[in-house]
Amino acid sequence: MAHRKVITYISPSGGDKLDGSGHGTSVAGVSAGYCNDPKSNYYNYYGAAYNSKIAFMDIGTSSSSDVTPPSNYYTGIFQPLYQVGSKVQSMSWGSSSNSYTAQARYIDQFMWDFKDSLIIIAAGNTGGNGSNTVGTPATNKNGIAAGASLNDEQSWNAVGKVSTKSAALTKSGLASFSSRGPTADGRLKPEICAVGNNIGAAEYNQECSVANRDGTSFSSPLIAGYATLVRQYFMDGFYPSGFKNVSNSFIPSGALIKAILVHSGQALDYITDGEKSVTTRW
């Protein structure tokens, strides 16, 4: 098992073990993708935590863009993944409801019961409709709702695109599609953003290929990868000296990892609404 990248693949009643759009493949690649061919240039597209393992929950079908998650997220999703070792979990799906629903509460309850877990959820891609567009279960309180920022000039060039305005050539701009807070009960969302525009990610149905992806679906696994690295920092005993020391090793709580990620963030400068739009100060 130690040599395998995917340590478990769980397919409840909602999944068909096929990836018709490549969404799941790319999401996994952004978080933990790795190419073991030393002669290739795919190291440019490694995932954020490329040496980590993947526990995959399949709740989609090849014939639809919709997903069918178990009705009880706690016992149907989070617990099975946690039991095989997944302490950081990323979800790149959700609904349009801006309320604090039962689905959001499942995340809060699970992270309360399992203190070393952290769940990251894509905020959604309806930011063009304005505020209060973050959808459940990203409306939870203990996890992280992931928004999407833009990308830099190098990344635009890598996928053969040319932006007509400077704001699109910076990671300091908020992508127009990124769903926005607050929640219906007034809480700030999303907690943090990561690049979700022009991301090179693993392509599906190909032996070696890269797809160009956009959306908070790809910001969420990127943050999950970063969270995994933060977790490993403490597990390896780098804190507080900055040097690896197993005697300083401890298991960080999900709340601690979340706090570090949030407080490491920088303010975004712009909201953009397309490659040719005028920029707006954020």
Protein backbone atom coordinates (compact mmCIF):
# COMPACT_ATOMS: atom_id res chain seq x y z
CA MET A 1 0.00 0.00 0.00
CA ALA A 2 2.91 2.38 0.68
CA HIS A 3 3.73 2.75 -3.01
CA ARG A 4 0.20 3.62 -4.10
CA LYS A 5 -0.99 7.19 -4.70
CA VAL A 6 -4.69 6.38 -4.30
CA ILE A 7 -5.04 4.44 -1.06
CA THR A 8 -8.79 3.94 -1.28
CA TYR A 9 -11.63 4.54 -3.74
CA ILE A 10 -15.11 4.67 -2.25
CA SER A 11 -18.11 4.66 -4.57
CA PRO A 12 -21.45 4.85 -2.75
CA SER A 13 -24.78 4.63 -4.55
CA GLY A 14 -24.31 8.03 -6.21
CA GLY A 15 -21.10 7.20 -8.11
CA ASP A 16 -20.42 5.12 -11.23
CA LYS A 17 -16.58 4.99 -11.12
CA LEU A 18 -16.35 7.02 -14.32
CA ASP A 19 -15.09 10.58 -14.76
CA GLY A 20 -16.99 11.85 -17.76
CA SER A 21 -15.85 15.48 -17.47
CA GLY A 22 -12.45 15.02 -15.84
CA HIS A 23 -13.50 17.15 -12.88
CA GLY A 24 -12.53 14.64 -10.21
CA THR A 25 -9.25 13.76 -11.89
CA SER A 26 -8.18 17.40 -12.13
CA VAL A 27 -9.26 18.17 -8.57
CA ALA A 28 -7.15 15.30 -7.25
CA GLY A 29 -4.20 16.40 -9.40
CA VAL A 30 -4.27 19.97 -8.11
CA SER A 31 -4.02 18.74 -4.55
CA ALA A 32 -1.68 15.77 -4.81
CA GLY A 33 -0.69 15.17 -8.44
CA TYR A 34 2.77 13.77 -9.17
CA CYS A 35 4.56 12.54 -12.29
CA ASN A 36 7.27 9.93 -11.75
CA ASP A 37 8.80 10.34 -15.20
CA PRO A 38 12.08 12.26 -14.68
CA LYS A 39 12.33 13.04 -18.40
CA SER A 40 9.05 14.94 -18.59
CA ASN A 41 8.33 18.58 -17.77
CA TYR A 42 5.21 17.72 -15.80
CA TYR A 43 6.93 18.76 -12.61
CA ASN A 44 5.58 22.20 -13.51
CA TYR A 45 2.10 20.83 -12.80
CA TYR A 46 2.72 18.95 -9.57
CA GLY A 47 -0.01 19.23 -6.96
CA ALA A 48 0.47 21.39 -3.89
CA ALA A 49 1.24 18.36 -1.68
CA TYR A 50 2.54 16.06 -4.40
CA ASN A 51 3.92 13.38 -2.08
CA SER A 52 0.64 12.97 -0.22
CA LYS A 53 -1.86 10.14 -0.69
CA ILE A 54 -5.43 10.32 -2.00
CA ALA A 55 -8.58 8.81 -0.55
CA PHE A 56 -11.28 9.33 -3.16
CA MET A 57 -15.06 9.49 -2.70
CA ASP A 58 -16.97 9.09 -5.99
CA ILE A 59 -20.47 10.62 -5.85
CA GLY A 60 -20.86 11.59 -9.52
CA THR A 61 -21.77 9.96 -12.83
CA SER A 62 -20.36 10.33 -16.31
CA SER A 63 -23.76 11.32 -17.71
CA SER A 64 -24.37 14.37 -15.51
CA SER A 65 -22.53 17.29 -13.94
CA ASP A 66 -24.62 16.82 -10.78
CA VAL A 67 -23.48 14.80 -7.79
CA THR A 68 -25.45 12.58 -5.44
CA PRO A 69 -23.85 12.68 -2.00
CA PRO A 70 -25.09 10.47 0.85
CA SER A 71 -27.83 12.17 2.84
CA ASN A 72 -25.71 12.06 6.00
CA TYR A 73 -22.35 13.66 5.19
CA TYR A 74 -20.97 12.76 8.61
CA THR A 75 -21.31 8.98 8.34
CA GLY A 76 -21.47 8.76 4.56
CA ILE A 77 -18.49 10.90 3.54
CA PHE A 78 -16.30 12.30 6.29
CA GLN A 79 -16.11 9.26 8.55
CA PRO A 80 -15.22 6.67 5.86
CA LEU A 81 -12.47 8.92 4.51
CA TYR A 82 -11.16 9.73 7.98
CA GLN A 83 -11.01 6.04 8.89
CA VAL A 84 -8.54 5.35 6.07
CA GLY A 85 -6.31 8.25 7.12
CA SER A 86 -7.72 11.32 5.38
CA LYS A 87 -7.39 14.11 7.94
CA VAL A 88 -7.62 16.92 5.35
CA GLN A 89 -10.65 16.61 3.08
CA SER A 90 -11.63 18.73 0.09
CA MET A 91 -15.08 19.00 -1.48
CA SER A 92 -15.51 20.63 -4.89
CA TRP A 93 -19.30 20.69 -5.02
CA GLY A 94 -22.22 22.29 -3.24
CA SER A 95 -25.62 23.91 -3.67
CA SER A 96 -27.03 27.39 -4.15
CA SER A 97 -28.48 27.79 -0.65
CA ASN A 98 -26.75 30.54 1.31
CA SER A 99 -28.17 29.32 4.62
CA TYR A 100 -26.64 27.34 7.46
CA THR A 101 -28.12 23.97 6.59
CA ALA A 102 -27.92 20.45 7.99
CA GLN A 103 -25.21 19.70 5.43
CA ALA A 104 -23.08 22.56 6.79
CA ARG A 105 -23.71 21.39 10.36
CA TYR A 106 -22.39 17.93 9.52
CA ILE A 107 -19.00 19.53 8.82
CA ASP A 108 -19.02 21.46 12.08
CA GLN A 109 -20.01 18.44 14.12
CA PHE A 110 -17.43 16.21 12.50
CA MET A 111 -14.58 18.68 13.04
CA TRP A 112 -15.70 19.10 16.66
CA ASP A 113 -15.72 15.33 17.22
CA PHE A 114 -12.46 14.73 15.33
CA LYS A 115 -10.26 17.63 16.30
CA ASP A 116 -7.42 16.72 13.93
CA SER A 117 -9.64 16.93 10.84
CA LEU A 118 -10.05 19.86 8.45
CA ILE A 119 -12.64 20.09 5.69
CA ILE A 120 -12.32 22.57 2.81
CA ILE A 121 -15.27 23.31 0.53
CA ALA A 122 -15.44 25.19 -2.76
CA ALA A 123 -17.39 28.44 -2.25
CA GLY A 124 -19.12 28.19 -5.63
CA ASN A 125 -18.98 29.92 -9.01
CA THR A 126 -21.93 32.31 -8.90
CA GLY A 127 -20.08 35.44 -7.82
CA GLY A 128 -21.41 37.24 -10.86
CA ASN A 129 -24.72 37.45 -9.00
CA GLY A 130 -23.14 39.52 -6.24
CA SER A 131 -23.15 39.02 -2.49
CA ASN A 132 -24.69 36.14 -0.51
CA THR A 133 -23.78 33.64 -3.20
CA VAL A 134 -21.61 31.24 -1.17
CA GLY A 135 -23.56 27.98 -1.12
CA THR A 136 -23.94 25.27 1.48
CA PRO A 137 -22.08 23.27 2.73
CA ALA A 138 -19.48 26.04 2.36
CA THR A 139 -21.65 28.01 4.80
CA ASN A 140 -20.28 25.90 7.67
CA LYS A 141 -18.44 27.47 10.62
CA ASN A 142 -15.52 25.19 11.45
CA GLY A 143 -14.22 24.35 7.97
CA ILE A 144 -12.92 26.58 5.19
CA ALA A 145 -14.90 27.99 2.26
CA ALA A 146 -12.48 28.38 -0.65
CA GLY A 147 -12.79 31.35 -2.99
CA ALA A 148 -10.89 31.79 -6.26
CA SER A 149 -8.26 34.35 -7.20
CA LEU A 150 -6.83 34.94 -10.65
CA ASN A 151 -3.42 33.83 -11.92
CA ASP A 152 -0.19 35.48 -13.02
CA GLU A 153 1.14 36.28 -16.50
CA GLN A 154 3.34 33.20 -16.64
CA SER A 155 0.34 30.96 -16.08
CA TRP A 156 -1.74 32.78 -18.68
CA ASN A 157 1.07 32.37 -21.22
CA ALA A 158 1.48 28.69 -20.36
CA VAL A 159 -2.05 27.96 -21.57
CA GLY A 160 -1.76 30.16 -24.66
CA LYS A 161 -4.00 32.97 -23.45
CA VAL A 162 -3.40 36.69 -23.58
CA SER A 163 -5.14 39.01 -21.16
CA THR A 164 -6.03 42.50 -22.30
CA LYS A 165 -5.77 44.09 -18.87
CA SER A 166 -3.17 44.12 -16.15
CA ALA A 167 -5.50 43.07 -13.34
CA ALA A 168 -5.96 39.64 -14.87
CA LEU A 169 -2.21 39.08 -14.75
CA THR A 170 -1.96 38.96 -10.98
CA LYS A 171 -2.86 36.53 -8.23
CA SER A 172 -4.08 39.55 -6.25
CA GLY A 173 -7.34 39.76 -8.18
CA LEU A 174 -10.56 38.03 -7.15
CA ALA A 175 -12.09 36.01 -9.99
CA SER A 176 -15.48 37.39 -10.91
CA PHE A 177 -17.10 33.97 -10.78
CA SER A 178 -15.96 33.29 -7.22
CA SER A 179 -19.03 33.14 -4.96
CA ARG A 180 -19.13 35.78 -2.23
CA GLY A 181 -20.37 36.21 1.29
CA PRO A 182 -21.75 36.93 3.65
CA THR A 183 -23.84 33.91 4.65
CA ALA A 184 -27.56 34.36 5.25
CA ASP A 185 -26.86 34.74 8.98
CA GLY A 186 -24.21 37.42 8.38
CA ARG A 187 -20.91 35.52 8.68
CA LEU A 188 -17.93 36.44 6.51
CA LYS A 189 -17.22 34.05 3.64
CA PRO A 190 -15.06 32.77 2.07
CA GLU A 191 -12.32 32.47 4.70
CA ILE A 192 -9.52 32.35 2.14
CA CYS A 193 -8.93 32.34 -1.61
CA ALA A 194 -6.44 30.47 -3.75
CA VAL A 195 -5.75 30.52 -7.48
CA GLY A 196 -8.74 29.19 -9.38
CA ASN A 197 -8.10 30.58 -12.86
CA ASN A 198 -6.00 29.00 -15.63
CA ILE A 199 -4.80 26.12 -13.46
CA GLY A 200 -2.86 23.36 -15.18
CA ALA A 201 -4.23 20.08 -13.79
CA ALA A 202 -4.21 16.39 -14.62
CA GLU A 203 -6.36 15.56 -17.63
CA TYR A 204 -8.75 12.63 -17.55
CA ASN A 205 -8.81 9.74 -20.02
CA GLN A 206 -5.22 10.46 -21.00
CA GLU A 207 -1.99 8.74 -20.00
CA CYS A 208 -0.02 11.99 -19.70
CA SER A 209 -1.81 15.25 -20.35
CA VAL A 210 -2.69 18.54 -18.68
CA ALA A 211 -6.05 20.31 -18.71
CA ASN A 212 -6.68 24.03 -18.19
CA ARG A 213 -9.20 24.51 -15.39
CA ASP A 214 -11.16 27.39 -13.84
CA GLY A 215 -13.37 27.54 -10.76
CA THR A 216 -13.40 27.38 -6.98
CA SER A 217 -13.48 23.60 -7.51
CA PHE A 218 -9.74 23.90 -8.07
CA SER A 219 -9.07 26.49 -5.38
CA SER A 220 -10.40 24.10 -2.75
CA PRO A 221 -7.96 21.22 -3.42
CA LEU A 222 -5.13 23.71 -3.72
CA ILE A 223 -5.88 24.95 -0.21
CA ALA A 224 -6.24 21.34 0.92
CA GLY A 225 -2.73 20.67 -0.38
CA TYR A 226 -1.38 23.67 1.50
CA ALA A 227 -3.19 22.52 4.64
CA THR A 228 -1.56 19.11 4.30
CA LEU A 229 1.88 20.73 4.15
CA VAL A 230 1.13 22.81 7.25
CA ARG A 231 0.00 19.67 9.05
CA GLN A 232 3.19 17.87 8.04
CA TYR A 233 5.27 20.80 9.32
CA PHE A 234 4.01 20.15 12.84
CA MET A 235 4.02 16.38 12.47
CA ASP A 236 7.71 16.46 11.51
CA GLY A 237 8.57 18.68 14.48
CA PHE A 238 9.68 21.80 12.59
CA TYR A 239 7.88 23.98 15.13
CA PRO A 240 9.15 25.95 17.01
CA SER A 241 12.81 25.84 15.87
CA GLY A 242 12.27 25.73 12.12
CA PHE A 243 14.34 22.55 11.96
CA LYS A 244 13.08 18.98 11.86
CA ASN A 245 13.08 17.53 15.36
CA VAL A 246 10.89 14.49 16.05
CA SER A 247 10.85 15.30 19.76
CA ASN A 248 8.82 18.42 18.91
CA SER A 249 6.32 16.51 16.78
CA PHE A 250 2.63 16.81 17.55
CA ILE A 251 -0.69 16.37 15.77
CA PRO A 252 -2.16 19.81 14.99
CA SER A 253 -5.88 20.43 15.22
CA GLY A 254 -7.85 21.36 12.14
CA ALA A 255 -8.63 24.68 13.85
CA LEU A 256 -4.91 25.43 14.17
CA ILE A 257 -4.24 24.67 10.51
CA LYS A 258 -7.21 26.80 9.49
CA ALA A 259 -5.97 29.71 11.61
CA ILE A 260 -2.50 29.54 10.06
CA LEU A 261 -3.89 29.52 6.53
CA VAL A 262 -6.30 32.38 7.17
CA HIS A 263 -3.72 34.55 8.92
CA SER A 264 -1.16 33.86 6.20
CA GLY A 265 -3.45 35.33 3.57
CA GLN A 266 -3.03 38.70 1.91
CA ALA A 267 -5.73 41.14 0.88
CA LEU A 268 -6.92 40.90 -2.72
CA ASP A 269 -6.87 44.12 -4.73
CA TYR A 270 -9.41 43.63 -7.50
CA ILE A 271 -12.59 41.98 -8.62
CA THR A 272 -12.63 41.20 -12.35
CA ASP A 273 -15.52 40.20 -14.54
CA GLY A 274 -13.87 38.83 -17.64
CA GLU A 275 -10.63 39.07 -19.57
CA LYS A 276 -11.62 42.36 -21.22
CA SER A 277 -13.41 44.07 -18.37
CA VAL A 278 -12.54 47.15 -16.38
CA THR A 279 -11.15 46.42 -12.95
CA THR A 280 -12.88 47.29 -9.72
CA ARG A 281 -11.14 48.04 -6.46
CA TRP A 282 -11.91 45.38 -3.86
